[in-house]
């Protein structure tokens, strides 16, 4: 298993109590889906190392409280490490829904299916996620908000996203 075969689940942020529990801040819109995890991969020196879970429960709206099976690693040393799960554990999305990682390198096309550019990454570090698009005509980069109402179609087979864009947005 390589990190490229996994998706980021969250980060261990702190210990909880005196019995080895840890708090994991999740990076998901559906934290309850991870309430009964049996194992995760922890990124240790860029290698996904499997850790098996004895206890796992929702801690608050975006965190889990976990306790790993006995390990030779001190719980304190795991703070700040990132957790991953295999990509094949993600449910398949249909229609206009997509995972950010799956549309990297997709073409962005307008409502007339004219290619605008290529999605090179998605910035989701702010209140509004943004497609970062490398324009076909001049190789410059622009930001397009990821707004569901603007998305017409997501074609996984042909690897493009069709969008209706407001007039002038490509000139910004």
Foldseek 3Di string as FASTA:
>chain_A
DAVVQKDWFFFFAAADDDPAKTKTFGDDPCVVVCQDDQWWFWQDVRGTDIWGWPHWGDPDDGMIITHTDDDPDRSHVRHGIIIIDGPVVDDDDDKLDDDQVLLQQFFEAEPVRHTQFGQNGWDPPDPWIWGWGQGPPPRDTATDTPDSVQWDTQDSVNRYTYGHDPPPRVVD
